[in-house]
Amino acid sequence: MRAAVVGADGGFAVEGLPPGSYYVAAVAGIPSGGADAWRDPSFLESLVAASLGVSVGESGRADVVLTLAVPR
């Protein structure tokens, strides 16, 4: 599991992932409860429906475009 902060240009990078399949999600904020609160299984499970499946190949790179869903 990794987290990344989006830069001013809207880009982000996650380093050190081995080849494989991953879920990627954009969130406006993490739950309260400390720096590792985003690792809570119930919080992560809540992201699955809105996440994007991504495959990282042997090159170690995958490009994705994410949209932050903002409730109305």
PDB file of N, CA and C in Angstrom:
ATOM      1  N   MET A   1       0.853  -1.171   0.000  1.00  0.00           N
ATOM      2  CA  MET A   1       0.000   0.000   0.000  1.00  0.00           C
ATOM      3  C   MET A   1       0.897   1.231   0.000  1.00  0.00           C
ATOM      4  N   ARG A   2       0.482   2.212  -0.763  1.00  0.00           N
ATOM      5  CA  ARG A   2       1.227   3.458  -0.834  1.00  0.00           C
ATOM      6  C   ARG A   2       0.232   4.614  -0.899  1.00  0.00           C
ATOM      7  N   ALA A   3       0.685   5.759  -0.460  1.00  0.00           N
ATOM      8  CA  ALA A   3      -0.091   6.994  -0.594  1.00  0.00           C
ATOM      9  C   ALA A   3       0.809   8.023  -1.262  1.00  0.00           C
ATOM     10  N   ALA A   4       0.215   8.915  -2.013  1.00  0.00           N
ATOM     11  CA  ALA A   4       0.964   9.983  -2.673  1.00  0.00           C
ATOM     12  C   ALA A   4       0.153  11.262  -2.592  1.00  0.00           C
ATOM     13  N   VAL A   5       0.852  12.364  -2.516  1.00  0.00           N
ATOM     14  CA  VAL A   5       0.215  13.677  -2.505  1.00  0.00           C
ATOM     15  C   VAL A   5       0.348  14.270  -3.901  1.00  0.00           C
ATOM     16  N   VAL A   6      -0.728  14.849  -4.397  1.00  0.00           N
ATOM     17  CA  VAL A   6      -0.737  15.448  -5.729  1.00  0.00           C
ATOM     18  C   VAL A   6       0.013  16.771  -5.700  1.00  0.00           C
ATOM     19  N   GLY A   7       0.843  16.991  -6.711  1.00  0.00           N
ATOM     20  CA  GLY A   7       1.592  18.223  -6.825  1.00  0.00           C
ATOM     21  C   GLY A   7       0.752  19.343  -7.425  1.00  0.00           C
ATOM     22  N   ALA A   8       1.325  20.525  -7.509  1.00  0.00           N
ATOM     23  CA  ALA A   8       0.632  21.694  -8.050  1.00  0.00           C
ATOM     24  C   ALA A   8       0.192  21.478  -9.494  1.00  0.00           C
ATOM     25  N   ASP A   9       0.913  20.639 -10.223  1.00  0.00           N
ATOM     26  CA  ASP A   9       0.571  20.364 -11.621  1.00  0.00           C
ATOM     27  C   ASP A   9      -0.465  19.252 -11.766  1.00  0.00           C
ATOM     28  N   GLY A  10      -0.913  18.681 -10.656  1.00  0.00           N
ATOM     29  CA  GLY A  10      -1.901  17.615 -10.677  1.00  0.00           C
ATOM     30  C   GLY A  10      -1.308  16.232 -10.827  1.00  0.00           C
ATOM     31  N   GLY A  11       0.008  16.143 -10.912  1.00  0.00           N
ATOM     32  CA  GLY A  11       0.654  14.849 -11.074  1.00  0.00           C
ATOM     33  C   GLY A  11       1.068  14.239  -9.752  1.00  0.00           C
ATOM     34  N   PHE A  12       1.288  12.938  -9.783  1.00  0.00           N
ATOM     35  CA  PHE A  12       1.775  12.239  -8.607  1.00  0.00           C
ATOM     36  C   PHE A  12       2.580  11.032  -9.067  1.00  0.00           C
ATOM     37  N   ALA A  13       3.410  10.527  -8.197  1.00  0.00           N
ATOM     38  CA  ALA A  13       4.195   9.331  -8.497  1.00  0.00           C
ATOM     39  C   ALA A  13       4.225   8.453  -7.257  1.00  0.00           C
ATOM     40  N   VAL A  14       4.174   7.163  -7.492  1.00  0.00           N
ATOM     41  CA  VAL A  14       4.296   6.179  -6.429  1.00  0.00           C
ATOM     42  C   VAL A  14       5.491   5.313  -6.808  1.00  0.00           C
ATOM     43  N   GLU A  15       6.474   5.281  -5.948  1.00  0.00           N
ATOM     44  CA  GLU A  15       7.712   4.570  -6.236  1.00  0.00           C
ATOM     45  C   GLU A  15       7.747   3.206  -5.539  1.00  0.00           C
ATOM     46  N   GLY A  16       8.499   2.275  -6.124  1.00  0.00           N
ATOM     47  CA  GLY A  16       8.807   1.024  -5.455  1.00  0.00           C
ATOM     48  C   GLY A  16       7.756  -0.064  -5.508  1.00  0.00           C
ATOM     49  N   LEU A  17       6.804   0.022  -6.419  1.00  0.00           N
ATOM     50  CA  LEU A  17       5.805  -1.033  -6.533  1.00  0.00           C
ATOM     51  C   LEU A  17       6.313  -2.133  -7.459  1.00  0.00           C
ATOM     52  N   PRO A  18       6.244  -3.378  -7.048  1.00  0.00           N
ATOM     53  CA  PRO A  18       6.612  -4.463  -7.954  1.00  0.00           C
ATOM     54  C   PRO A  18       5.521  -4.657  -9.008  1.00  0.00           C
ATOM     55  N   PRO A  19       5.844  -5.314 -10.124  1.00  0.00           N
ATOM     56  CA  PRO A  19       4.812  -5.591 -11.125  1.00  0.00           C
ATOM     57  C   PRO A  19       3.627  -6.318 -10.483  1.00  0.00           C
ATOM     58  N   GLY A  20       2.430  -5.956 -10.927  1.00  0.00           N
ATOM     59  CA  GLY A  20       1.229  -6.578 -10.390  1.00  0.00           C
ATOM     60  C   GLY A  20       0.003  -5.730 -10.648  1.00  0.00           C
ATOM     61  N   SER A  21      -1.115  -6.128 -10.087  1.00  0.00           N
ATOM     62  CA  SER A  21      -2.386  -5.409 -10.229  1.00  0.00           C
ATOM     63  C   SER A  21      -2.683  -4.661  -8.938  1.00  0.00           C
ATOM     64  N   TYR A  22      -3.180  -3.433  -9.101  1.00  0.00           N
ATOM     65  CA  TYR A  22      -3.426  -2.551  -7.960  1.00  0.00           C
ATOM     66  C   TYR A  22      -4.731  -1.798  -8.150  1.00  0.00           C
ATOM     67  N   TYR A  23      -5.272  -1.324  -7.048  1.00  0.00           N
ATOM     68  CA  TYR A  23      -6.376  -0.377  -7.068  1.00  0.00           C
ATOM     69  C   TYR A  23      -5.792   1.007  -6.814  1.00  0.00           C
ATOM     70  N   VAL A  24      -6.310   2.009  -7.548  1.00  0.00           N
ATOM     71  CA  VAL A  24      -5.878   3.393  -7.374  1.00  0.00           C
ATOM     72  C   VAL A  24      -7.125   4.239  -7.153  1.00  0.00           C
ATOM     73  N   ALA A  25      -7.088   5.110  -6.148  1.00  0.00           N
ATOM     74  CA  ALA A  25      -8.231   5.980  -5.865  1.00  0.00           C
ATOM     75  C   ALA A  25      -7.739   7.354  -5.451  1.00  0.00           C
ATOM     76  N   ALA A  26      -8.487   8.377  -5.810  1.00  0.00           N
ATOM     77  CA  ALA A  26      -8.200   9.749  -5.398  1.00  0.00           C
ATOM     78  C   ALA A  26      -9.192  10.127  -4.305  1.00  0.00           C
ATOM     79  N   VAL A  27      -8.681  10.652  -3.206  1.00  0.00           N
ATOM     80  CA  VAL A  27      -9.544  11.089  -2.106  1.00  0.00           C
ATOM     81  C   VAL A  27      -9.182  12.512  -1.719  1.00  0.00           C
ATOM     82  N   ALA A  28     -10.172  13.245  -1.256  1.00  0.00           N
ATOM     83  CA  ALA A  28      -9.954  14.629  -0.844  1.00  0.00           C
ATOM     84  C   ALA A  28      -9.225  14.723   0.485  1.00  0.00           C
ATOM     85  N   GLY A  29      -9.355  13.704   1.302  1.00  0.00           N
ATOM     86  CA  GLY A  29      -8.700  13.704   2.605  1.00  0.00           C
ATOM     87  C   GLY A  29      -8.726  12.318   3.209  1.00  0.00           C
ATOM     88  N   ILE A  30      -7.876  12.131   4.190  1.00  0.00           N
ATOM     89  CA  ILE A  30      -7.839  10.845   4.875  1.00  0.00           C
ATOM     90  C   ILE A  30      -8.658  10.938   6.153  1.00  0.00           C
ATOM     91  N   PRO A  31      -9.085   9.809   6.683  1.00  0.00           N
ATOM     92  CA  PRO A  31      -9.875   9.853   7.914  1.00  0.00           C
ATOM     93  C   PRO A  31      -9.038  10.369   9.087  1.00  0.00           C
ATOM     94  N   SER A  32      -9.714  10.929  10.059  1.00  0.00           N
ATOM     95  CA  SER A  32      -9.003  11.371  11.258  1.00  0.00           C
ATOM     96  C   SER A  32      -8.513  10.151  12.018  1.00  0.00           C
ATOM     97  N   GLY A  33      -7.542  10.344  12.851  1.00  0.00           N
ATOM     98  CA  GLY A  33      -7.036   9.218  13.628  1.00  0.00           C
ATOM     99  C   GLY A  33      -5.550   8.996  13.455  1.00  0.00           C
ATOM    100  N   GLY A  34      -4.858   9.958  12.897  1.00  0.00           N
ATOM    101  CA  GLY A  34      -3.416   9.826  12.765  1.00  0.00           C
ATOM    102  C   GLY A  34      -2.957   9.616  11.340  1.00  0.00           C
ATOM    103  N   ALA A  35      -1.651   9.669  11.162  1.00  0.00           N
ATOM    104  CA  ALA A  35      -1.052   9.590   9.832  1.00  0.00           C
ATOM    105  C   ALA A  35      -1.325   8.270   9.124  1.00  0.00           C
ATOM    106  N   ASP A  36      -1.529   7.188   9.857  1.00  0.00           N
ATOM    107  CA  ASP A  36      -1.777   5.891   9.241  1.00  0.00           C
ATOM    108  C   ASP A  36      -3.253   5.515   9.179  1.00  0.00           C
ATOM    109  N   ALA A  37      -4.143   6.461   9.466  1.00  0.00           N
ATOM    110  CA  ALA A  37      -5.578   6.160   9.478  1.00  0.00           C
ATOM    111  C   ALA A  37      -6.080   5.699   8.110  1.00  0.00           C
ATOM    112  N   TRP A  38      -5.422   6.115   7.036  1.00  0.00           N
ATOM    113  CA  TRP A  38      -5.846   5.707   5.697  1.00  0.00           C
ATOM    114  C   TRP A  38      -5.639   4.207   5.474  1.00  0.00           C
ATOM    115  N   ARG A  39      -4.860   3.548   6.312  1.00  0.00           N
ATOM    116  CA  ARG A  39      -4.616   2.117   6.169  1.00  0.00           C
ATOM    117  C   ARG A  39      -5.707   1.259   6.818  1.00  0.00           C
ATOM    118  N   ASP A  40      -6.669   1.884   7.469  1.00  0.00           N
ATOM    119  CA  ASP A  40      -7.745   1.150   8.128  1.00  0.00           C
ATOM    120  C   ASP A  40      -8.512   0.329   7.084  1.00  0.00           C
ATOM    121  N   PRO A  41      -8.672  -0.978   7.314  1.00  0.00           N
ATOM    122  CA  PRO A  41      -9.344  -1.835   6.330  1.00  0.00           C
ATOM    123  C   PRO A  41     -10.738  -1.350   5.922  1.00  0.00           C
ATOM    124  N   SER A  42     -11.511  -0.810   6.841  1.00  0.00           N
ATOM    125  CA  SER A  42     -12.859  -0.354   6.475  1.00  0.00           C
ATOM    126  C   SER A  42     -12.792   0.875   5.575  1.00  0.00           C
ATOM    127  N   PHE A  43     -11.829   1.765   5.798  1.00  0.00           N
ATOM    128  CA  PHE A  43     -11.661   2.924   4.920  1.00  0.00           C
ATOM    129  C   PHE A  43     -11.238   2.462   3.527  1.00  0.00           C
ATOM    130  N   LEU A  44     -10.272   1.562   3.452  1.00  0.00           N
ATOM    131  CA  LEU A  44      -9.810   1.066   2.156  1.00  0.00           C
ATOM    132  C   LEU A  44     -10.924   0.345   1.410  1.00  0.00           C
ATOM    133  N   GLU A  45     -11.708  -0.442   2.113  1.00  0.00           N
ATOM    134  CA  GLU A  45     -12.828  -1.147   1.481  1.00  0.00           C
ATOM    135  C   GLU A  45     -13.833  -0.163   0.896  1.00  0.00           C
ATOM    136  N   SER A  46     -14.024   0.970   1.557  1.00  0.00           N
ATOM    137  CA  SER A  46     -14.970   1.975   1.057  1.00  0.00           C
ATOM    138  C   SER A  46     -14.504   2.612  -0.249  1.00  0.00           C
ATOM    139  N   LEU A  47     -13.231   2.497  -0.577  1.00  0.00           N
ATOM    140  CA  LEU A  47     -12.684   3.095  -1.796  1.00  0.00           C
ATOM    141  C   LEU A  47     -12.757   2.180  -3.008  1.00  0.00           C
ATOM    142  N   VAL A  48     -12.962   0.894  -2.798  1.00  0.00           N
ATOM    143  CA  VAL A  48     -12.869  -0.069  -3.892  1.00  0.00           C
ATOM    144  C   VAL A  48     -13.844   0.246  -5.024  1.00  0.00           C
ATOM    145  N   ALA A  49     -15.081   0.554  -4.732  1.00  0.00           N
ATOM    146  CA  ALA A  49     -16.080   0.802  -5.775  1.00  0.00           C
ATOM    147  C   ALA A  49     -15.708   1.995  -6.656  1.00  0.00           C
ATOM    148  N   ALA A  50     -15.038   2.982  -6.104  1.00  0.00           N
ATOM    149  CA  ALA A  50     -14.676   4.181  -6.865  1.00  0.00           C
ATOM    150  C   ALA A  50     -13.236   4.133  -7.380  1.00  0.00           C
ATOM    151  N   SER A  51     -12.562   3.012  -7.199  1.00  0.00           N
ATOM    152  CA  SER A  51     -11.162   2.941  -7.594  1.00  0.00           C
ATOM    153  C   SER A  51     -11.001   2.469  -9.037  1.00  0.00           C
ATOM    154  N   LEU A  52      -9.797   2.658  -9.527  1.00  0.00           N
ATOM    155  CA  LEU A  52      -9.434   2.248 -10.874  1.00  0.00           C
ATOM    156  C   LEU A  52      -8.443   1.100 -10.770  1.00  0.00           C
ATOM    157  N   GLY A  53      -8.677   0.029 -11.491  1.00  0.00           N
ATOM    158  CA  GLY A  53      -7.733  -1.084 -11.518  1.00  0.00           C
ATOM    159  C   GLY A  53      -6.576  -0.758 -12.444  1.00  0.00           C
ATOM    160  N   VAL A  54      -5.362  -0.974 -11.991  1.00  0.00           N
ATOM    161  CA  VAL A  54      -4.164  -0.647 -12.761  1.00  0.00           C
ATOM    162  C   VAL A  54      -3.204  -1.823 -12.714  1.00  0.00           C
ATOM    163  N   SER A  55      -2.587  -2.114 -13.846  1.00  0.00           N
ATOM    164  CA  SER A  55      -1.559  -3.144 -13.895  1.00  0.00           C
ATOM    165  C   SER A  55      -0.207  -2.481 -14.105  1.00  0.00           C
ATOM    166  N   VAL A  56       0.732  -2.788 -13.239  1.00  0.00           N
ATOM    167  CA  VAL A  56       2.100  -2.302 -13.371  1.00  0.00           C
ATOM    168  C   VAL A  56       2.903  -3.436 -13.989  1.00  0.00           C
ATOM    169  N   GLY A  57       3.522  -3.167 -15.136  1.00  0.00           N
ATOM    170  CA  GLY A  57       4.286  -4.188 -15.838  1.00  0.00           C
ATOM    171  C   GLY A  57       5.737  -4.206 -15.406  1.00  0.00           C
ATOM    172  N   GLU A  58       6.523  -4.952 -16.138  1.00  0.00           N
ATOM    173  CA  GLU A  58       7.954  -5.079 -15.842  1.00  0.00           C
ATOM    174  C   GLU A  58       8.685  -3.746 -15.919  1.00  0.00           C
ATOM    175  N   SER A  59       8.157  -2.796 -16.698  1.00  0.00           N
ATOM    176  CA  SER A  59       8.791  -1.473 -16.795  1.00  0.00           C
ATOM    177  C   SER A  59       8.675  -0.703 -15.484  1.00  0.00           C
ATOM    178  N   GLY A  60       7.753  -1.146 -14.618  1.00  0.00           N
ATOM    179  CA  GLY A  60       7.541  -0.465 -13.345  1.00  0.00           C
ATOM    180  C   GLY A  60       6.734   0.807 -13.475  1.00  0.00           C
ATOM    181  N   ARG A  61       6.062   0.989 -14.624  1.00  0.00           N
ATOM    182  CA  ARG A  61       5.338   2.231 -14.855  1.00  0.00           C
ATOM    183  C   ARG A  61       3.918   1.956 -15.340  1.00  0.00           C
ATOM    184  N   ALA A  62       2.999   2.758 -14.857  1.00  0.00           N
ATOM    185  CA  ALA A  62       1.617   2.750 -15.340  1.00  0.00           C
ATOM    186  C   ALA A  62       1.105   4.175 -15.259  1.00  0.00           C
ATOM    187  N   ASP A  63       0.517   4.670 -16.317  1.00  0.00           N
ATOM    188  CA  ASP A  63      -0.048   6.015 -16.329  1.00  0.00           C
ATOM    189  C   ASP A  63      -1.544   5.931 -16.104  1.00  0.00           C
ATOM    190  N   VAL A  64      -2.051   6.750 -15.200  1.00  0.00           N
ATOM    191  CA  VAL A  64      -3.483   6.778 -14.914  1.00  0.00           C
ATOM    192  C   VAL A  64      -3.959   8.218 -14.849  1.00  0.00           C
ATOM    193  N   VAL A  65      -5.236   8.410 -15.151  1.00  0.00           N
ATOM    194  CA  VAL A  65      -5.897   9.701 -14.982  1.00  0.00           C
ATOM    195  C   VAL A  65      -7.032   9.466 -14.000  1.00  0.00           C
ATOM    196  N   LEU A  66      -6.978  10.165 -12.886  1.00  0.00           N
ATOM    197  CA  LEU A  66      -7.990  10.007 -11.840  1.00  0.00           C
ATOM    198  C   LEU A  66      -8.844  11.251 -11.748  1.00  0.00           C
ATOM    199  N   THR A  67     -10.101  11.045 -11.389  1.00  0.00           N
ATOM    200  CA  THR A  67     -11.024  12.162 -11.142  1.00  0.00           C
ATOM    201  C   THR A  67     -11.475  12.054  -9.695  1.00  0.00           C
ATOM    202  N   LEU A  68     -11.361  13.157  -8.992  1.00  0.00           N
ATOM    203  CA  LEU A  68     -11.798  13.205  -7.606  1.00  0.00           C
ATOM    204  C   LEU A  68     -13.309  13.388  -7.594  1.00  0.00           C
ATOM    205  N   ALA A  69     -14.009  12.422  -7.029  1.00  0.00           N
ATOM    206  CA  ALA A  69     -15.458  12.514  -6.927  1.00  0.00           C
ATOM    207  C   ALA A  69     -15.806  13.367  -5.708  1.00  0.00           C
ATOM    208  N   VAL A  70     -16.532  14.431  -5.950  1.00  0.00           N
ATOM    209  CA  VAL A  70     -16.920  15.336  -4.873  1.00  0.00           C
ATOM    210  C   VAL A  70     -18.435  15.249  -4.710  1.00  0.00           C
ATOM    211  N   PRO A  71     -18.906  14.836  -3.531  1.00  0.00           N
ATOM    212  CA  PRO A  71     -20.354  14.761  -3.323  1.00  0.00           C
ATOM    213  C   PRO A  71     -21.004  16.132  -3.417  1.00  0.00           C
ATOM    214  N   ARG A  72     -22.213  16.159  -3.920  1.00  0.00           N
ATOM    215  CA  ARG A  72     -22.938  17.454  -4.043  1.00  0.00           C
ATOM    216  C   ARG A  72     -23.738  17.732  -2.816  1.00  0.00           C
TER     217      ARG A  72
END
